[in-house]
Structure formats: structure tokens, C-alpha cells
Amino acid sequence: MDDRDDRDQRDQRDMDRPSPPGGHHGGRHGGDLDRVGDQRTRLRLRHAERLTSLMAERGDLRGVHALADYFDDAVRWSA
């Protein structure tokens, strides 16, 4: 569980880091955009994993939030 928390904190720090003024990255567009894209993919996958495990553990949450139900169903149907 500690490794997961460490990754979360690192990813959050990276996402909180401000972009340079004007959105330019000093000529390193490809590397920075790739890094941000990879980061977003990891966060999206982690979020889906945790939402699915939460919904599996807590059946009483079904029907509470329509968007959570939608994504839980989407993950199950795509497996």
C-alpha cells in the first residue's frame, strides 16, 4: 500500500507543477507532452482500478452516483 501512496504523491506533485508561461516547454514539446500523456494514462488506469475495487467491496454504493456506476460498468464490460 505504501508504494501506491508514493506513486500517487509523485503523480500529484507532477500534475501540480505549473507549466511555463504561455504553455511553452523550452523546445522540448515532445518529451514533456509524452511524460504528461503517460502520467494521465497511469492516473486514469489507477482511478478505474480503485473505483472498480471499491464498487466490488461496497455493493451499497451502487446507484448512489450515476457516473461511478457508468464507469464501473464500462470497466467490467471492457474486460
C-alpha atoms as a PDB file:
ATOM      1  CA  MET A   1       0.000   0.000   0.000  1.00  0.00           C
ATOM      2  CA  ASP A   2       2.923   2.335   0.671  1.00  0.00           C
ATOM      3  CA  ASP A   3       4.189   2.009  -2.917  1.00  0.00           C
ATOM      4  CA  ARG A   4       0.761   3.002  -4.212  1.00  0.00           C
ATOM      5  CA  ASP A   5       0.693   6.064  -1.932  1.00  0.00           C
ATOM      6  CA  ASP A   6       4.204   7.057  -3.013  1.00  0.00           C
ATOM      7  CA  ARG A   7       3.205   6.836  -6.701  1.00  0.00           C
ATOM      8  CA  ASP A   8       0.081   8.880  -6.000  1.00  0.00           C
ATOM      9  CA  GLN A   9       2.090  11.599  -4.291  1.00  0.00           C
ATOM     10  CA  ARG A  10       4.680  11.714  -7.092  1.00  0.00           C
ATOM     11  CA  ASP A  11       2.000  11.870  -9.782  1.00  0.00           C
ATOM     12  CA  GLN A  12       0.101  14.563  -7.904  1.00  0.00           C
ATOM     13  CA  ARG A  13       3.265  16.654  -7.479  1.00  0.00           C
ATOM     14  CA  ASP A  14       3.962  16.335 -11.203  1.00  0.00           C
ATOM     15  CA  MET A  15       0.401  17.354 -12.083  1.00  0.00           C
ATOM     16  CA  ASP A  16       0.540  20.321  -9.670  1.00  0.00           C
ATOM     17  CA  ARG A  17       3.751  21.621 -11.198  1.00  0.00           C
ATOM     18  CA  PRO A  18       2.860  24.757 -13.183  1.00  0.00           C
ATOM     19  CA  SER A  19       3.551  24.979 -16.886  1.00  0.00           C
ATOM     20  CA  PRO A  20       5.887  27.722 -18.041  1.00  0.00           C
ATOM     21  CA  PRO A  21       4.151  30.959 -19.139  1.00  0.00           C
ATOM     22  CA  GLY A  22       2.385  30.594 -22.452  1.00  0.00           C
ATOM     23  CA  GLY A  23       2.410  26.815 -22.176  1.00  0.00           C
ATOM     24  CA  HIS A  24       5.819  26.521 -23.859  1.00  0.00           C
ATOM     25  CA  HIS A  25       8.235  23.922 -22.623  1.00  0.00           C
ATOM     26  CA  GLY A  26      11.530  25.317 -23.815  1.00  0.00           C
ATOM     27  CA  GLY A  27      11.595  23.455 -27.120  1.00  0.00           C
ATOM     28  CA  ARG A  28      11.091  20.067 -25.518  1.00  0.00           C
ATOM     29  CA  HIS A  29       7.476  19.697 -26.555  1.00  0.00           C
ATOM     30  CA  GLY A  30       7.636  16.027 -27.453  1.00  0.00           C
ATOM     31  CA  GLY A  31       9.287  14.814 -24.239  1.00  0.00           C
ATOM     32  CA  ASP A  32       7.108  16.882 -21.924  1.00  0.00           C
ATOM     33  CA  LEU A  33       3.921  16.006 -23.755  1.00  0.00           C
ATOM     34  CA  ASP A  34       4.845  12.320 -23.730  1.00  0.00           C
ATOM     35  CA  ARG A  35       5.540  12.485 -19.996  1.00  0.00           C
ATOM     36  CA  VAL A  36       2.232  14.202 -19.287  1.00  0.00           C
ATOM     37  CA  GLY A  37       0.376  11.761 -21.538  1.00  0.00           C
ATOM     38  CA  ASP A  38       1.961   8.780 -19.780  1.00  0.00           C
ATOM     39  CA  GLN A  39       1.133  10.320 -16.427  1.00  0.00           C
ATOM     40  CA  ARG A  40      -2.503  10.852 -17.344  1.00  0.00           C
ATOM     41  CA  THR A  41      -2.758   7.281 -18.606  1.00  0.00           C
ATOM     42  CA  ARG A  42      -1.347   5.928 -15.324  1.00  0.00           C
ATOM     43  CA  LEU A  43      -3.727   8.084 -13.295  1.00  0.00           C
ATOM     44  CA  ARG A  44      -6.709   7.077 -15.421  1.00  0.00           C
ATOM     45  CA  LEU A  45      -5.885   3.371 -15.066  1.00  0.00           C
ATOM     46  CA  ARG A  46      -5.295   3.673 -11.337  1.00  0.00           C
ATOM     47  CA  HIS A  47      -8.566   5.532 -10.877  1.00  0.00           C
ATOM     48  CA  ALA A  48     -10.500   2.900 -12.821  1.00  0.00           C
ATOM     49  CA  GLU A  49      -8.854   0.116 -10.812  1.00  0.00           C
ATOM     50  CA  ARG A  50      -9.697   1.719  -7.490  1.00  0.00           C
ATOM     51  CA  LEU A  51     -13.248   2.602  -8.493  1.00  0.00           C
ATOM     52  CA  THR A  52     -13.860  -0.962  -9.611  1.00  0.00           C
ATOM     53  CA  SER A  53     -12.443  -2.449  -6.402  1.00  0.00           C
ATOM     54  CA  LEU A  54     -14.441  -0.001  -4.273  1.00  0.00           C
ATOM     55  CA  MET A  55     -17.660  -0.842  -6.095  1.00  0.00           C
ATOM     56  CA  ALA A  56     -16.920  -4.574  -5.688  1.00  0.00           C
ATOM     57  CA  GLU A  57     -16.301  -4.172  -1.950  1.00  0.00           C
ATOM     58  CA  ARG A  58     -19.224  -1.860  -1.289  1.00  0.00           C
ATOM     59  CA  GLY A  59     -22.371  -3.017  -3.045  1.00  0.00           C
ATOM     60  CA  ASP A  60     -24.341  -0.402  -1.114  1.00  0.00           C
ATOM     61  CA  LEU A  61     -22.708   2.319  -3.243  1.00  0.00           C
ATOM     62  CA  ARG A  62     -24.440   1.075  -6.406  1.00  0.00           C
ATOM     63  CA  GLY A  63     -26.977   3.648  -7.549  1.00  0.00           C
ATOM     64  CA  VAL A  64     -25.567   6.462  -5.408  1.00  0.00           C
ATOM     65  CA  HIS A  65     -23.651   8.206  -8.184  1.00  0.00           C
ATOM     66  CA  ALA A  66     -24.618   7.628 -11.817  1.00  0.00           C
ATOM     67  CA  LEU A  67     -21.163   8.449 -13.223  1.00  0.00           C
ATOM     68  CA  ALA A  68     -19.466   5.972 -10.858  1.00  0.00           C
ATOM     69  CA  ASP A  69     -21.975   3.299 -11.919  1.00  0.00           C
ATOM     70  CA  TYR A  70     -21.325   4.096 -15.577  1.00  0.00           C
ATOM     71  CA  PHE A  71     -17.541   3.744 -15.270  1.00  0.00           C
ATOM     72  CA  ASP A  72     -17.813   0.630 -13.118  1.00  0.00           C
ATOM     73  CA  ASP A  73     -19.985  -0.976 -15.806  1.00  0.00           C
ATOM     74  CA  ALA A  74     -17.696   0.238 -18.585  1.00  0.00           C
ATOM     75  CA  VAL A  75     -14.643  -1.313 -16.950  1.00  0.00           C
ATOM     76  CA  ARG A  76     -16.427  -4.613 -16.412  1.00  0.00           C
ATOM     77  CA  TRP A  77     -17.759  -4.756 -19.970  1.00  0.00           C
ATOM     78  CA  SER A  78     -14.362  -3.930 -21.481  1.00  0.00           C
ATOM     79  CA  ALA A  79     -12.572  -6.743 -19.615  1.00  0.00           C
END
